[in-house]
Amino acid sequence: MVCTLRSLRFQIVEPGRRTRTIEIITILTDADEFSREDIAQLYGFRWNSELDIRSIMSNMHLARVRCKSPEMVHREIWTTILGYNLFRTTAAGAALLHDKQPRRISSTSTCQ
């Protein structure tokens, strides 16, 4: 099977940090339909989703479910996600009060 890929290189510039270069390889090859900016935005969404999943698994102790039946596992997962969303909503409120980005508010600061 032959697959056509598209390679895009981006500079990540964050104040106070070194500039990083990332390369995104995608199957979204139509540049008219998917601009560089679209691909960068999609990558940003994906990256944040992966960070959220990692955070849920580690901070909310979901790396190992404790329930045994499928119904209770389902409940445990949804309850944990509900708790995480409440936690992130609190962080977003704190970020708004202090004029910061919600992802810049630490877990410890949110709890305090």
N, C-alpha and C. Protein backbone atom coordinates (compact mmCIF):
# COMPACT_ATOMS: atom_id res chain seq x y z
N MET A 1 0.84 -1.18 0.00
CA MET A 1 0.00 0.00 0.00
C MET A 1 0.88 1.24 0.00
N VAL A 2 0.61 2.16 -0.89
CA VAL A 2 1.36 3.40 -0.99
C VAL A 2 0.51 4.52 -0.39
N CYS A 3 1.14 5.33 0.43
CA CYS A 3 0.43 6.42 1.09
C CYS A 3 1.21 7.72 0.87
N THR A 4 0.52 8.76 0.41
CA THR A 4 1.15 10.05 0.22
C THR A 4 1.08 10.83 1.52
N LEU A 5 2.20 11.39 1.91
CA LEU A 5 2.28 12.15 3.16
C LEU A 5 2.67 13.58 2.88
N ARG A 6 2.35 14.43 3.80
CA ARG A 6 2.72 15.85 3.73
C ARG A 6 3.53 16.18 4.97
N SER A 7 4.63 16.86 4.78
CA SER A 7 5.52 17.22 5.88
C SER A 7 5.50 18.75 6.06
N LEU A 8 5.26 19.18 7.28
CA LEU A 8 5.24 20.61 7.60
C LEU A 8 6.17 20.86 8.79
N ARG A 9 6.95 21.89 8.69
CA ARG A 9 7.88 22.24 9.76
C ARG A 9 7.44 23.57 10.38
N PHE A 10 7.40 23.61 11.72
CA PHE A 10 6.96 24.80 12.44
C PHE A 10 7.99 25.19 13.49
N GLN A 11 8.09 26.49 13.73
CA GLN A 11 8.89 27.02 14.83
C GLN A 11 7.94 27.31 15.99
N ILE A 12 8.23 26.77 17.15
CA ILE A 12 7.44 27.04 18.36
C ILE A 12 8.19 28.09 19.16
N VAL A 13 7.61 29.27 19.25
CA VAL A 13 8.24 30.38 19.95
C VAL A 13 7.42 30.67 21.20
N GLU A 14 8.05 30.51 22.37
CA GLU A 14 7.42 30.82 23.64
C GLU A 14 8.33 31.80 24.38
N PRO A 15 7.77 32.92 24.85
CA PRO A 15 8.60 33.89 25.57
C PRO A 15 9.31 33.25 26.76
N GLY A 16 10.59 33.51 26.88
CA GLY A 16 11.37 32.98 27.99
C GLY A 16 11.86 31.56 27.79
N ARG A 17 11.60 30.97 26.64
CA ARG A 17 12.05 29.61 26.35
C ARG A 17 12.76 29.58 25.00
N ARG A 18 13.53 28.52 24.82
CA ARG A 18 14.20 28.36 23.54
C ARG A 18 13.17 28.06 22.44
N THR A 19 13.44 28.57 21.25
CA THR A 19 12.59 28.27 20.11
C THR A 19 12.81 26.82 19.70
N ARG A 20 11.72 26.11 19.50
CA ARG A 20 11.80 24.70 19.11
C ARG A 20 11.26 24.54 17.70
N THR A 21 11.78 23.58 17.00
CA THR A 21 11.28 23.23 15.68
C THR A 21 10.62 21.88 15.76
N ILE A 22 9.38 21.81 15.26
CA ILE A 22 8.70 20.51 15.20
C ILE A 22 8.33 20.24 13.76
N GLU A 23 8.24 18.98 13.44
CA GLU A 23 7.84 18.57 12.10
C GLU A 23 6.59 17.71 12.24
N ILE A 24 5.57 18.06 11.49
CA ILE A 24 4.32 17.32 11.51
C ILE A 24 4.19 16.59 10.18
N ILE A 25 3.99 15.30 10.27
CA ILE A 25 3.76 14.47 9.09
C ILE A 25 2.29 14.09 9.11
N THR A 26 1.59 14.35 8.01
CA THR A 26 0.15 14.11 7.98
C THR A 26 -0.27 13.50 6.65
N ILE A 27 -1.45 12.88 6.67
CA ILE A 27 -2.03 12.37 5.43
C ILE A 27 -2.97 13.41 4.82
N LEU A 28 -3.14 14.55 5.48
CA LEU A 28 -3.96 15.65 4.94
C LEU A 28 -3.12 16.42 3.93
N THR A 29 -3.11 15.92 2.70
CA THR A 29 -2.17 16.41 1.69
C THR A 29 -2.69 17.60 0.88
N ASP A 30 -3.98 17.84 0.87
CA ASP A 30 -4.56 18.91 0.06
C ASP A 30 -4.34 20.26 0.76
N ALA A 31 -3.36 21.02 0.28
CA ALA A 31 -3.00 22.30 0.90
C ALA A 31 -4.12 23.34 0.74
N ASP A 32 -4.96 23.20 -0.28
CA ASP A 32 -6.07 24.14 -0.44
C ASP A 32 -7.15 23.90 0.61
N GLU A 33 -7.36 22.64 0.95
CA GLU A 33 -8.39 22.31 1.94
C GLU A 33 -7.85 22.42 3.37
N PHE A 34 -6.59 22.06 3.58
CA PHE A 34 -5.97 22.09 4.92
C PHE A 34 -4.73 22.95 4.87
N SER A 35 -4.86 24.20 5.26
CA SER A 35 -3.72 25.13 5.23
C SER A 35 -2.73 24.78 6.33
N ARG A 36 -1.56 25.40 6.27
CA ARG A 36 -0.55 25.22 7.32
C ARG A 36 -1.14 25.60 8.68
N GLU A 37 -1.91 26.68 8.70
CA GLU A 37 -2.51 27.16 9.95
C GLU A 37 -3.53 26.15 10.49
N ASP A 38 -4.31 25.54 9.58
CA ASP A 38 -5.28 24.52 10.00
C ASP A 38 -4.56 23.33 10.64
N ILE A 39 -3.49 22.88 9.99
CA ILE A 39 -2.72 21.74 10.51
C ILE A 39 -2.12 22.09 11.87
N ALA A 40 -1.57 23.29 12.01
CA ALA A 40 -0.97 23.71 13.28
C ALA A 40 -2.04 23.75 14.37
N GLN A 41 -3.23 24.26 14.03
CA GLN A 41 -4.31 24.33 15.02
C GLN A 41 -4.76 22.92 15.43
N LEU A 42 -4.91 22.02 14.46
CA LEU A 42 -5.29 20.64 14.77
C LEU A 42 -4.24 19.97 15.65
N TYR A 43 -2.96 20.21 15.36
CA TYR A 43 -1.89 19.64 16.17
C TYR A 43 -1.97 20.17 17.60
N GLY A 44 -2.24 21.47 17.75
CA GLY A 44 -2.39 22.05 19.08
C GLY A 44 -3.52 21.42 19.86
N PHE A 45 -4.66 21.19 19.19
CA PHE A 45 -5.79 20.53 19.84
C PHE A 45 -5.41 19.12 20.28
N ARG A 46 -4.73 18.41 19.38
CA ARG A 46 -4.33 17.04 19.70
C ARG A 46 -3.37 17.02 20.89
N TRP A 47 -2.40 17.92 20.87
CA TRP A 47 -1.42 17.98 21.94
C TRP A 47 -2.11 18.25 23.29
N ASN A 48 -3.02 19.20 23.32
CA ASN A 48 -3.74 19.49 24.55
C ASN A 48 -4.59 18.31 25.01
N SER A 49 -5.19 17.60 24.06
CA SER A 49 -5.97 16.41 24.41
C SER A 49 -5.08 15.35 25.04
N GLU A 50 -3.90 15.15 24.48
CA GLU A 50 -2.99 14.16 25.06
C GLU A 50 -2.53 14.57 26.45
N LEU A 51 -2.29 15.86 26.66
CA LEU A 51 -1.92 16.34 28.00
C LEU A 51 -3.07 16.12 28.98
N ASP A 52 -4.31 16.36 28.53
CA ASP A 52 -5.47 16.16 29.40
C ASP A 52 -5.62 14.69 29.78
N ILE A 53 -5.44 13.80 28.81
CA ILE A 53 -5.56 12.37 29.09
C ILE A 53 -4.48 11.94 30.08
N ARG A 54 -3.25 12.42 29.88
CA ARG A 54 -2.17 12.09 30.82
C ARG A 54 -2.49 12.62 32.22
N SER A 55 -3.03 13.82 32.28
CA SER A 55 -3.38 14.42 33.55
C SER A 55 -4.50 13.64 34.25
N ILE A 56 -5.50 13.25 33.49
CA ILE A 56 -6.60 12.47 34.07
C ILE A 56 -6.06 11.16 34.64
N MET A 57 -5.20 10.50 33.87
CA MET A 57 -4.70 9.20 34.33
C MET A 57 -3.80 9.32 35.55
N SER A 58 -2.97 10.37 35.60
CA SER A 58 -2.05 10.47 36.73
C SER A 58 -2.65 11.22 37.91
N ASN A 59 -3.17 12.42 37.69
CA ASN A 59 -3.69 13.23 38.80
C ASN A 59 -4.98 12.69 39.38
N MET A 60 -5.80 12.09 38.54
CA MET A 60 -7.09 11.58 39.00
C MET A 60 -7.03 10.07 39.29
N HIS A 61 -5.83 9.52 39.24
CA HIS A 61 -5.60 8.11 39.60
C HIS A 61 -6.45 7.14 38.77
N LEU A 62 -6.48 7.37 37.47
CA LEU A 62 -7.24 6.50 36.59
C LEU A 62 -6.34 5.57 35.79
N ALA A 63 -5.07 5.51 36.15
CA ALA A 63 -4.16 4.62 35.44
C ALA A 63 -4.58 3.16 35.63
N ARG A 64 -5.22 2.89 36.75
CA ARG A 64 -5.72 1.54 37.02
C ARG A 64 -7.13 1.68 37.61
N VAL A 65 -8.11 1.11 36.91
CA VAL A 65 -9.47 1.16 37.44
C VAL A 65 -9.63 0.11 38.54
N ARG A 66 -10.44 0.43 39.51
CA ARG A 66 -10.61 -0.45 40.66
C ARG A 66 -11.84 -1.35 40.56
N CYS A 67 -12.78 -0.96 39.72
CA CYS A 67 -14.02 -1.73 39.59
C CYS A 67 -13.81 -2.96 38.72
N LYS A 68 -14.73 -3.91 38.86
CA LYS A 68 -14.58 -5.17 38.14
C LYS A 68 -15.60 -5.33 37.01
N SER A 69 -16.85 -4.96 37.25
CA SER A 69 -17.86 -5.17 36.22
C SER A 69 -17.78 -4.05 35.18
N PRO A 70 -18.13 -4.36 33.93
CA PRO A 70 -18.08 -3.33 32.88
C PRO A 70 -18.91 -2.09 33.22
N GLU A 71 -20.07 -2.29 33.81
CA GLU A 71 -20.93 -1.17 34.18
C GLU A 71 -20.25 -0.25 35.20
N MET A 72 -19.61 -0.84 36.20
CA MET A 72 -18.96 -0.04 37.23
C MET A 72 -17.68 0.62 36.71
N VAL A 73 -16.96 -0.05 35.80
CA VAL A 73 -15.78 0.57 35.17
C VAL A 73 -16.24 1.80 34.39
N HIS A 74 -17.32 1.66 33.66
CA HIS A 74 -17.89 2.77 32.90
C HIS A 74 -18.22 3.93 33.84
N ARG A 75 -18.87 3.64 34.96
CA ARG A 75 -19.21 4.68 35.94
C ARG A 75 -17.95 5.33 36.53
N GLU A 76 -16.96 4.51 36.84
CA GLU A 76 -15.73 5.05 37.42
C GLU A 76 -15.04 6.01 36.45
N ILE A 77 -15.00 5.63 35.20
CA ILE A 77 -14.36 6.49 34.20
C ILE A 77 -15.13 7.79 34.06
N TRP A 78 -16.45 7.72 33.91
CA TRP A 78 -17.25 8.94 33.73
C TRP A 78 -17.22 9.82 34.98
N THR A 79 -17.22 9.22 36.15
CA THR A 79 -17.14 10.01 37.39
C THR A 79 -15.81 10.72 37.48
N THR A 80 -14.75 10.04 37.10
CA THR A 80 -13.42 10.65 37.11
C THR A 80 -13.34 11.81 36.12
N ILE A 81 -13.90 11.61 34.92
CA ILE A 81 -13.89 12.68 33.93
C ILE A 81 -14.73 13.87 34.40
N LEU A 82 -15.85 13.60 35.06
CA LEU A 82 -16.66 14.68 35.63
C LEU A 82 -15.85 15.46 36.66
N GLY A 83 -15.18 14.75 37.56
CA GLY A 83 -14.33 15.41 38.56
C GLY A 83 -13.24 16.23 37.92
N TYR A 84 -12.62 15.68 36.87
CA TYR A 84 -11.56 16.40 36.17
C TYR A 84 -12.11 17.68 35.53
N ASN A 85 -13.29 17.58 34.91
CA ASN A 85 -13.89 18.77 34.30
C ASN A 85 -14.22 19.83 35.34
N LEU A 86 -14.70 19.43 36.49
CA LEU A 86 -14.95 20.40 37.57
C LEU A 86 -13.65 21.04 38.03
N PHE A 87 -12.61 20.24 38.13
CA PHE A 87 -11.29 20.73 38.53
C PHE A 87 -10.77 21.74 37.51
N ARG A 88 -10.87 21.42 36.21
CA ARG A 88 -10.39 22.32 35.16
C ARG A 88 -11.25 23.59 35.08
N THR A 89 -12.54 23.48 35.38
CA THR A 89 -13.40 24.66 35.42
C THR A 89 -12.96 25.60 36.52
N THR A 90 -12.59 25.04 37.67
CA THR A 90 -12.07 25.85 38.78
C THR A 90 -10.76 26.52 38.37
N ALA A 91 -9.90 25.79 37.68
CA ALA A 91 -8.63 26.36 37.21
C ALA A 91 -8.89 27.48 36.21
N ALA A 92 -9.88 27.30 35.34
CA ALA A 92 -10.21 28.34 34.36
C ALA A 92 -10.72 29.60 35.06
N GLY A 93 -11.51 29.42 36.12
CA GLY A 93 -11.98 30.56 36.90
C GLY A 93 -10.83 31.29 37.57
N ALA A 94 -9.90 30.54 38.14
CA ALA A 94 -8.72 31.14 38.78
C ALA A 94 -7.87 31.87 37.74
N ALA A 95 -7.73 31.28 36.56
CA ALA A 95 -6.94 31.92 35.50
C ALA A 95 -7.58 33.24 35.08
N LEU A 96 -8.89 33.25 35.00
CA LEU A 96 -9.60 34.47 34.62
C LEU A 96 -9.39 35.56 35.66
N LEU A 97 -9.46 35.18 36.94
CA LEU A 97 -9.24 36.16 38.03
C LEU A 97 -7.85 36.76 38.01
N HIS A 98 -6.87 35.95 37.63
CA HIS A 98 -5.46 36.38 37.68
C HIS A 98 -4.89 36.71 36.31
N ASP A 99 -5.77 36.80 35.29
CA ASP A 99 -5.37 37.18 33.94
C ASP A 99 -4.26 36.28 33.40
N LYS A 100 -4.47 34.96 33.51
CA LYS A 100 -3.52 33.98 33.00
C LYS A 100 -4.25 32.99 32.11
N GLN A 101 -3.49 32.22 31.35
CA GLN A 101 -4.05 31.15 30.55
C GLN A 101 -4.42 29.98 31.47
N PRO A 102 -5.59 29.34 31.27
CA PRO A 102 -6.00 28.23 32.15
C PRO A 102 -4.98 27.10 32.25
N ARG A 103 -4.26 26.81 31.18
CA ARG A 103 -3.28 25.73 31.23
C ARG A 103 -2.02 26.12 31.99
N ARG A 104 -1.89 27.40 32.35
CA ARG A 104 -0.75 27.88 33.13
C ARG A 104 -1.01 27.82 34.64
N ILE A 105 -2.22 27.45 35.02
CA ILE A 105 -2.56 27.34 36.44
C ILE A 105 -2.25 25.92 36.88
N SER A 106 -1.43 25.76 37.88
CA SER A 106 -1.01 24.43 38.33
C SER A 106 -2.10 23.75 39.13
N SER A 107 -1.99 22.44 39.26
CA SER A 107 -2.93 21.67 40.06
C SER A 107 -2.92 22.14 41.51
N THR A 108 -1.74 22.39 42.03
CA THR A 108 -1.61 22.84 43.42
C THR A 108 -2.31 24.19 43.61
N SER A 109 -2.09 25.12 42.67
CA SER A 109 -2.73 26.43 42.76
C SER A 109 -4.26 26.30 42.67
N THR A 110 -4.72 25.40 41.82
CA THR A 110 -6.16 25.20 41.69
C THR A 110 -6.76 24.70 43.00
N CYS A 111 -6.09 23.75 43.64
CA CYS A 111 -6.58 23.21 44.92
C CYS A 111 -6.58 24.29 46.01
N GLN A 112 -5.58 25.15 46.00
CA GLN A 112 -5.50 26.21 47.02
C GLN A 112 -6.57 27.25 46.78
